[in-house]
Amino acid sequence: MIDFTLTPIWATLLFILGCVMGYQYRRVWKAEGPTWQLWLFGLAAAGAFLTLGFVPVIP
């Protein structure tokens, strides 16, 4: 079985990416922008945070 783990650096980068994508999602949502951008930013943010939630971080 393959072990999937994150280093602290990758976990930090994923957290920053999730925050930026969440901010972009909110910006597009408030401006009533294109639906495809909502999907893009929303799925990217969700993927980043789900990865952080379910993949262990090992120093």
PDB file of N, CA and C in Angstrom:
ATOM      1  N   MET A   1       0.839  -1.187   0.000  1.00  0.00           N
ATOM      2  CA  MET A   1       0.000   0.000   0.000  1.00  0.00           C
ATOM      3  C   MET A   1       0.878   1.243   0.000  1.00  0.00           C
ATOM      4  N   ILE A   2       0.480   2.232  -0.737  1.00  0.00           N
ATOM      5  CA  ILE A   2       1.239   3.478  -0.833  1.00  0.00           C
ATOM      6  C   ILE A   2       0.814   4.406   0.311  1.00  0.00           C
ATOM      7  N   ASP A   3       1.805   4.953   1.001  1.00  0.00           N
ATOM      8  CA  ASP A   3       1.521   5.895   2.081  1.00  0.00           C
ATOM      9  C   ASP A   3       1.555   7.315   1.534  1.00  0.00           C
ATOM     10  N   PHE A   4       0.456   8.016   1.696  1.00  0.00           N
ATOM     11  CA  PHE A   4       0.390   9.409   1.293  1.00  0.00           C
ATOM     12  C   PHE A   4       0.545  10.275   2.519  1.00  0.00           C
ATOM     13  N   THR A   5       1.555  11.127   2.522  1.00  0.00           N
ATOM     14  CA  THR A   5       1.770  12.063   3.614  1.00  0.00           C
ATOM     15  C   THR A   5       2.177  13.409   3.033  1.00  0.00           C
ATOM     16  N   LEU A   6       2.029  14.434   3.834  1.00  0.00           N
ATOM     17  CA  LEU A   6       2.438  15.780   3.456  1.00  0.00           C
ATOM     18  C   LEU A   6       3.545  16.250   4.384  1.00  0.00           C
ATOM     19  N   THR A   7       4.485  16.976   3.838  1.00  0.00           N
ATOM     20  CA  THR A   7       5.474  17.635   4.685  1.00  0.00           C
ATOM     21  C   THR A   7       4.860  18.952   5.166  1.00  0.00           C
ATOM     22  N   PRO A   8       5.395  19.531   6.213  1.00  0.00           N
ATOM     23  CA  PRO A   8       4.845  20.804   6.692  1.00  0.00           C
ATOM     24  C   PRO A   8       4.870  21.916   5.638  1.00  0.00           C
ATOM     25  N   ILE A   9       5.894  21.914   4.795  1.00  0.00           N
ATOM     26  CA  ILE A   9       5.964  22.945   3.750  1.00  0.00           C
ATOM     27  C   ILE A   9       4.803  22.795   2.777  1.00  0.00           C
ATOM     28  N   TRP A  10       4.545  21.555   2.306  1.00  0.00           N
ATOM     29  CA  TRP A  10       3.448  21.318   1.370  1.00  0.00           C
ATOM     30  C   TRP A  10       2.098  21.597   2.027  1.00  0.00           C
ATOM     31  N   ALA A  11       1.963  21.272   3.294  1.00  0.00           N
ATOM     32  CA  ALA A  11       0.713  21.547   3.999  1.00  0.00           C
ATOM     33  C   ALA A  11       0.476  23.057   4.104  1.00  0.00           C
ATOM     34  N   THR A  12       1.527  23.803   4.373  1.00  0.00           N
ATOM     35  CA  THR A  12       1.408  25.258   4.448  1.00  0.00           C
ATOM     36  C   THR A  12       1.033  25.839   3.090  1.00  0.00           C
ATOM     37  N   LEU A  13       1.667  25.360   2.033  1.00  0.00           N
ATOM     38  CA  LEU A  13       1.350  25.841   0.690  1.00  0.00           C
ATOM     39  C   LEU A  13      -0.096  25.506   0.302  1.00  0.00           C
ATOM     40  N   LEU A  14      -0.560  24.315   0.663  1.00  0.00           N
ATOM     41  CA  LEU A  14      -1.951  23.951   0.384  1.00  0.00           C
ATOM     42  C   LEU A  14      -2.921  24.831   1.173  1.00  0.00           C
ATOM     43  N   PHE A  15      -2.572  25.152   2.407  1.00  0.00           N
ATOM     44  CA  PHE A  15      -3.424  26.019   3.220  1.00  0.00           C
ATOM     45  C   PHE A  15      -3.521  27.410   2.603  1.00  0.00           C
ATOM     46  N   ILE A  16      -2.391  27.955   2.184  1.00  0.00           N
ATOM     47  CA  ILE A  16      -2.388  29.274   1.549  1.00  0.00           C
ATOM     48  C   ILE A  16      -3.185  29.245   0.249  1.00  0.00           C
ATOM     49  N   LEU A  17      -3.000  28.190  -0.553  1.00  0.00           N
ATOM     50  CA  LEU A  17      -3.750  28.045  -1.797  1.00  0.00           C
ATOM     51  C   LEU A  17      -5.253  27.975  -1.516  1.00  0.00           C
ATOM     52  N   GLY A  18      -5.649  27.211  -0.504  1.00  0.00           N
ATOM     53  CA  GLY A  18      -7.065  27.112  -0.151  1.00  0.00           C
ATOM     54  C   GLY A  18      -7.640  28.448   0.293  1.00  0.00           C
ATOM     55  N   CYS A  19      -6.879  29.207   1.057  1.00  0.00           N
ATOM     56  CA  CYS A  19      -7.343  30.523   1.504  1.00  0.00           C
ATOM     57  C   CYS A  19      -7.503  31.484   0.329  1.00  0.00           C
ATOM     58  N   VAL A  20      -6.539  31.498  -0.573  1.00  0.00           N
ATOM     59  CA  VAL A  20      -6.606  32.384  -1.739  1.00  0.00           C
ATOM     60  C   VAL A  20      -7.780  31.990  -2.636  1.00  0.00           C
ATOM     61  N   MET A  21      -7.949  30.697  -2.867  1.00  0.00           N
ATOM     62  CA  MET A  21      -9.057  30.250  -3.715  1.00  0.00           C
ATOM     63  C   MET A  21     -10.411  30.545  -3.052  1.00  0.00           C
ATOM     64  N   GLY A  22     -10.504  30.408  -1.738  1.00  0.00           N
ATOM     65  CA  GLY A  22     -11.727  30.751  -1.027  1.00  0.00           C
ATOM     66  C   GLY A  22     -12.034  32.232  -1.108  1.00  0.00           C
ATOM     67  N   TYR A  23     -11.010  33.054  -1.023  1.00  0.00           N
ATOM     68  CA  TYR A  23     -11.191  34.503  -1.164  1.00  0.00           C
ATOM     69  C   TYR A  23     -11.661  34.847  -2.575  1.00  0.00           C
ATOM     70  N   GLN A  24     -11.067  34.210  -3.582  1.00  0.00           N
ATOM     71  CA  GLN A  24     -11.478  34.459  -4.962  1.00  0.00           C
ATOM     72  C   GLN A  24     -12.918  34.005  -5.184  1.00  0.00           C
ATOM     73  N   TYR A  25     -13.285  32.865  -4.596  1.00  0.00           N
ATOM     74  CA  TYR A  25     -14.667  32.381  -4.691  1.00  0.00           C
ATOM     75  C   TYR A  25     -15.633  33.430  -4.130  1.00  0.00           C
ATOM     76  N   ARG A  26     -15.323  33.934  -2.970  1.00  0.00           N
ATOM     77  CA  ARG A  26     -16.200  34.923  -2.338  1.00  0.00           C
ATOM     78  C   ARG A  26     -16.276  36.202  -3.158  1.00  0.00           C
ATOM     79  N   ARG A  27     -15.141  36.628  -3.726  1.00  0.00           N
ATOM     80  CA  ARG A  27     -15.118  37.843  -4.543  1.00  0.00           C
ATOM     81  C   ARG A  27     -16.013  37.689  -5.768  1.00  0.00           C
ATOM     82  N   VAL A  28     -15.918  36.557  -6.465  1.00  0.00           N
ATOM     83  CA  VAL A  28     -16.731  36.305  -7.656  1.00  0.00           C
ATOM     84  C   VAL A  28     -18.199  36.163  -7.273  1.00  0.00           C
ATOM     85  N   TRP A  29     -18.468  35.504  -6.154  1.00  0.00           N
ATOM     86  CA  TRP A  29     -19.837  35.309  -5.713  1.00  0.00           C
ATOM     87  C   TRP A  29     -20.522  36.642  -5.411  1.00  0.00           C
ATOM     88  N   LYS A  30     -19.820  37.536  -4.702  1.00  0.00           N
ATOM     89  CA  LYS A  30     -20.399  38.826  -4.357  1.00  0.00           C
ATOM     90  C   LYS A  30     -20.615  39.694  -5.596  1.00  0.00           C
ATOM     91  N   ALA A  31     -19.726  39.560  -6.597  1.00  0.00           N
ATOM     92  CA  ALA A  31     -19.848  40.346  -7.824  1.00  0.00           C
ATOM     93  C   ALA A  31     -20.820  39.702  -8.816  1.00  0.00           C
ATOM     94  N   GLU A  32     -21.395  38.543  -8.442  1.00  0.00           N
ATOM     95  CA  GLU A  32     -22.282  37.779  -9.311  1.00  0.00           C
ATOM     96  C   GLU A  32     -21.602  37.504 -10.655  1.00  0.00           C
ATOM     97  N   GLY A  33     -20.384  37.006 -10.550  1.00  0.00           N
ATOM     98  CA  GLY A  33     -19.586  36.707 -11.728  1.00  0.00           C
ATOM     99  C   GLY A  33     -19.990  35.410 -12.399  1.00  0.00           C
ATOM    100  N   PRO A  34     -19.173  34.982 -13.363  1.00  0.00           N
ATOM    101  CA  PRO A  34     -19.494  33.771 -14.122  1.00  0.00           C
ATOM    102  C   PRO A  34     -19.518  32.520 -13.240  1.00  0.00           C
ATOM    103  N   THR A  35     -20.447  31.645 -13.551  1.00  0.00           N
ATOM    104  CA  THR A  35     -20.617  30.421 -12.778  1.00  0.00           C
ATOM    105  C   THR A  35     -19.398  29.517 -12.873  1.00  0.00           C
ATOM    106  N   TRP A  36     -18.734  29.489 -14.023  1.00  0.00           N
ATOM    107  CA  TRP A  36     -17.575  28.611 -14.177  1.00  0.00           C
ATOM    108  C   TRP A  36     -16.454  29.016 -13.222  1.00  0.00           C
ATOM    109  N   GLN A  37     -16.331  30.316 -12.942  1.00  0.00           N
ATOM    110  CA  GLN A  37     -15.302  30.751 -11.998  1.00  0.00           C
ATOM    111  C   GLN A  37     -15.654  30.315 -10.579  1.00  0.00           C
ATOM    112  N   LEU A  38     -16.940  30.346 -10.250  1.00  0.00           N
ATOM    113  CA  LEU A  38     -17.357  29.865  -8.925  1.00  0.00           C
ATOM    114  C   LEU A  38     -16.989  28.398  -8.758  1.00  0.00           C
ATOM    115  N   TRP A  39     -17.273  27.587  -9.774  1.00  0.00           N
ATOM    116  CA  TRP A  39     -16.928  26.174  -9.714  1.00  0.00           C
ATOM    117  C   TRP A  39     -15.420  25.979  -9.615  1.00  0.00           C
ATOM    118  N   LEU A  40     -14.670  26.709 -10.413  1.00  0.00           N
ATOM    119  CA  LEU A  40     -13.208  26.563 -10.414  1.00  0.00           C
ATOM    120  C   LEU A  40     -12.621  26.889  -9.044  1.00  0.00           C
ATOM    121  N   PHE A  41     -12.950  28.061  -8.522  1.00  0.00           N
ATOM    122  CA  PHE A  41     -12.389  28.476  -7.239  1.00  0.00           C
ATOM    123  C   PHE A  41     -12.935  27.642  -6.084  1.00  0.00           C
ATOM    124  N   GLY A  42     -14.211  27.298  -6.139  1.00  0.00           N
ATOM    125  CA  GLY A  42     -14.809  26.512  -5.073  1.00  0.00           C
ATOM    126  C   GLY A  42     -14.237  25.110  -4.989  1.00  0.00           C
ATOM    127  N   LEU A  43     -14.084  24.456  -6.143  1.00  0.00           N
ATOM    128  CA  LEU A  43     -13.525  23.101  -6.137  1.00  0.00           C
ATOM    129  C   LEU A  43     -12.050  23.105  -5.744  1.00  0.00           C
ATOM    130  N   ALA A  44     -11.309  24.137  -6.173  1.00  0.00           N
ATOM    131  CA  ALA A  44      -9.898  24.222  -5.783  1.00  0.00           C
ATOM    132  C   ALA A  44      -9.760  24.409  -4.273  1.00  0.00           C
ATOM    133  N   ALA A  45     -10.573  25.282  -3.694  1.00  0.00           N
ATOM    134  CA  ALA A  45     -10.524  25.507  -2.248  1.00  0.00           C
ATOM    135  C   ALA A  45     -10.951  24.249  -1.486  1.00  0.00           C
ATOM    136  N   ALA A  46     -12.024  23.636  -1.938  1.00  0.00           N
ATOM    137  CA  ALA A  46     -12.507  22.423  -1.272  1.00  0.00           C
ATOM    138  C   ALA A  46     -11.478  21.301  -1.364  1.00  0.00           C
ATOM    139  N   GLY A  47     -10.856  21.144  -2.517  1.00  0.00           N
ATOM    140  CA  GLY A  47      -9.836  20.103  -2.682  1.00  0.00           C
ATOM    141  C   GLY A  47      -8.642  20.329  -1.774  1.00  0.00           C
ATOM    142  N   ALA A  48      -8.218  21.578  -1.660  1.00  0.00           N
ATOM    143  CA  ALA A  48      -7.075  21.884  -0.797  1.00  0.00           C
ATOM    144  C   ALA A  48      -7.397  21.580   0.663  1.00  0.00           C
ATOM    145  N   PHE A  49      -8.573  22.008   1.132  1.00  0.00           N
ATOM    146  CA  PHE A  49      -8.911  21.805   2.536  1.00  0.00           C
ATOM    147  C   PHE A  49      -9.254  20.348   2.844  1.00  0.00           C
ATOM    148  N   LEU A  50      -9.860  19.644   1.898  1.00  0.00           N
ATOM    149  CA  LEU A  50     -10.113  18.222   2.121  1.00  0.00           C
ATOM    150  C   LEU A  50      -8.811  17.430   2.162  1.00  0.00           C
ATOM    151  N   THR A  51      -7.864  17.813   1.323  1.00  0.00           N
ATOM    152  CA  THR A  51      -6.552  17.158   1.359  1.00  0.00           C
ATOM    153  C   THR A  51      -5.883  17.392   2.705  1.00  0.00           C
ATOM    154  N   LEU A  52      -5.933  18.618   3.192  1.00  0.00           N
ATOM    155  CA  LEU A  52      -5.341  18.910   4.496  1.00  0.00           C
ATOM    156  C   LEU A  52      -6.061  18.165   5.622  1.00  0.00           C
ATOM    157  N   GLY A  53      -7.349  17.955   5.457  1.00  0.00           N
ATOM    158  CA  GLY A  53      -8.110  17.284   6.508  1.00  0.00           C
ATOM    159  C   GLY A  53      -7.900  15.795   6.565  1.00  0.00           C
ATOM    160  N   PHE A  54      -7.605  15.156   5.427  1.00  0.00           N
ATOM    161  CA  PHE A  54      -7.553  13.703   5.401  1.00  0.00           C
ATOM    162  C   PHE A  54      -6.177  13.093   5.131  1.00  0.00           C
ATOM    163  N   VAL A  55      -5.212  13.895   4.731  1.00  0.00           N
ATOM    164  CA  VAL A  55      -3.857  13.380   4.497  1.00  0.00           C
ATOM    165  C   VAL A  55      -2.986  13.796   5.673  1.00  0.00           C
ATOM    166  N   PRO A  56      -2.310  12.862   6.330  1.00  0.00           N
ATOM    167  CA  PRO A  56      -1.512  13.212   7.500  1.00  0.00           C
ATOM    168  C   PRO A  56      -0.274  14.047   7.137  1.00  0.00           C
ATOM    169  N   VAL A  57       0.097  14.893   8.064  1.00  0.00           N
ATOM    170  CA  VAL A  57       1.302  15.724   7.924  1.00  0.00           C
ATOM    171  C   VAL A  57       2.377  15.118   8.810  1.00  0.00           C
ATOM    172  N   ILE A  58       3.491  14.777   8.208  1.00  0.00           N
ATOM    173  CA  ILE A  58       4.589  14.167   8.949  1.00  0.00           C
ATOM    174  C   ILE A  58       5.850  15.010   8.763  1.00  0.00           C
ATOM    175  N   PRO A  59       6.465  15.441   9.846  1.00  0.00           N
ATOM    176  CA  PRO A  59       7.673  16.288   9.722  1.00  0.00           C
ATOM    177  C   PRO A  59       8.855  15.566   9.107  1.00  0.00           C
TER     178      PRO A  59
END
